[in-house]
Amino acid sequence: MDDKKTQETNLFQSWSFTKVNYLLFGIGILTIIIGYIVMITGETTSFQSVKLAPVILVVGYCVIIPTSILYKSK
């Protein structure tokens, strides 16, 4: 019983996500949701649906989410 509790404690001590990581992840999810909303509200061939929304989605998926995973406070 004691070994299992020690393994769980070691596992969560190596988990280095902080409040900032979760905040950045939340901002990334919000950005992705906004990107999809922008895409839905635009016409099929409009600037909004064809260029703006994909840029917002790329920023959310490829910049903010990876930053939230890789960020380490000092």
Protein backbone atom coordinates (compact mmCIF):
# COMPACT_ATOMS: atom_id res chain seq x y z
CA MET A 1 0.00 0.00 0.00
CA ASP A 2 2.79 2.38 0.91
CA ASP A 3 4.68 1.75 -2.38
CA LYS A 4 1.61 2.59 -4.44
CA LYS A 5 1.14 5.88 -2.58
CA THR A 6 4.83 6.73 -3.10
CA GLN A 7 4.56 6.05 -6.86
CA GLU A 8 1.51 8.32 -7.14
CA THR A 9 3.29 11.08 -5.22
CA ASN A 10 6.36 10.82 -7.47
CA LEU A 11 4.19 10.90 -10.59
CA PHE A 12 2.48 14.15 -9.61
CA GLN A 13 5.67 15.79 -8.43
CA SER A 14 7.13 15.32 -11.91
CA TRP A 15 4.00 16.93 -13.40
CA SER A 16 5.36 20.45 -13.83
CA PHE A 17 2.24 22.27 -15.04
CA THR A 18 1.48 25.43 -13.15
CA LYS A 19 -1.40 27.86 -13.10
CA VAL A 20 0.20 29.72 -16.02
CA ASN A 21 0.23 26.56 -18.15
CA TYR A 22 -3.46 25.97 -17.54
CA LEU A 23 -4.24 29.64 -18.21
CA LEU A 24 -2.39 29.52 -21.55
CA PHE A 25 -4.16 26.28 -22.43
CA GLY A 26 -7.52 27.89 -21.67
CA ILE A 27 -6.63 30.87 -23.85
CA GLY A 28 -5.68 28.46 -26.63
CA ILE A 29 -9.00 26.61 -26.39
CA LEU A 30 -10.86 29.95 -26.38
CA THR A 31 -8.92 31.07 -29.47
CA ILE A 32 -9.82 27.84 -31.27
CA ILE A 33 -13.49 28.25 -30.38
CA ILE A 34 -13.43 31.85 -31.64
CA GLY A 35 -11.80 30.66 -34.87
CA TYR A 36 -14.59 28.16 -35.49
CA ILE A 37 -17.25 30.75 -34.68
CA VAL A 38 -15.67 33.20 -37.14
CA MET A 39 -15.61 30.45 -39.77
CA ILE A 40 -19.27 29.54 -39.21
CA THR A 41 -20.56 33.12 -39.36
CA GLY A 42 -18.87 34.03 -42.66
CA GLU A 43 -20.09 33.35 -46.16
CA THR A 44 -18.57 30.36 -47.97
CA THR A 45 -16.08 32.33 -50.07
CA SER A 46 -15.67 35.42 -47.87
CA PHE A 47 -12.40 36.75 -46.48
CA GLN A 48 -13.66 35.88 -43.01
CA SER A 49 -14.16 32.17 -43.71
CA VAL A 50 -11.31 31.58 -46.14
CA LYS A 51 -8.44 33.59 -44.62
CA LEU A 52 -9.19 35.04 -41.19
CA ALA A 53 -10.64 31.99 -39.45
CA PRO A 54 -7.88 29.58 -40.58
CA VAL A 55 -5.21 32.02 -39.34
CA ILE A 56 -6.93 32.23 -35.95
CA LEU A 57 -7.15 28.42 -35.80
CA VAL A 58 -3.48 27.97 -36.73
CA VAL A 59 -2.46 30.43 -34.01
CA GLY A 60 -4.57 28.51 -31.50
CA TYR A 61 -3.45 25.02 -32.52
CA CYS A 62 0.18 25.66 -33.50
CA VAL A 63 1.28 28.52 -31.25
CA ILE A 64 -0.76 28.89 -28.06
CA ILE A 65 -1.45 25.22 -27.21
CA PRO A 66 2.20 24.09 -27.72
CA THR A 67 3.37 27.13 -25.75
CA SER A 68 1.12 26.14 -22.86
CA ILE A 69 2.62 22.65 -22.87
CA LEU A 70 6.25 23.70 -23.19
CA TYR A 71 6.24 26.76 -20.89
CA LYS A 72 8.20 26.38 -17.65
CA SER A 73 8.36 29.07 -15.02
CA LYS A 74 11.69 29.85 -13.45
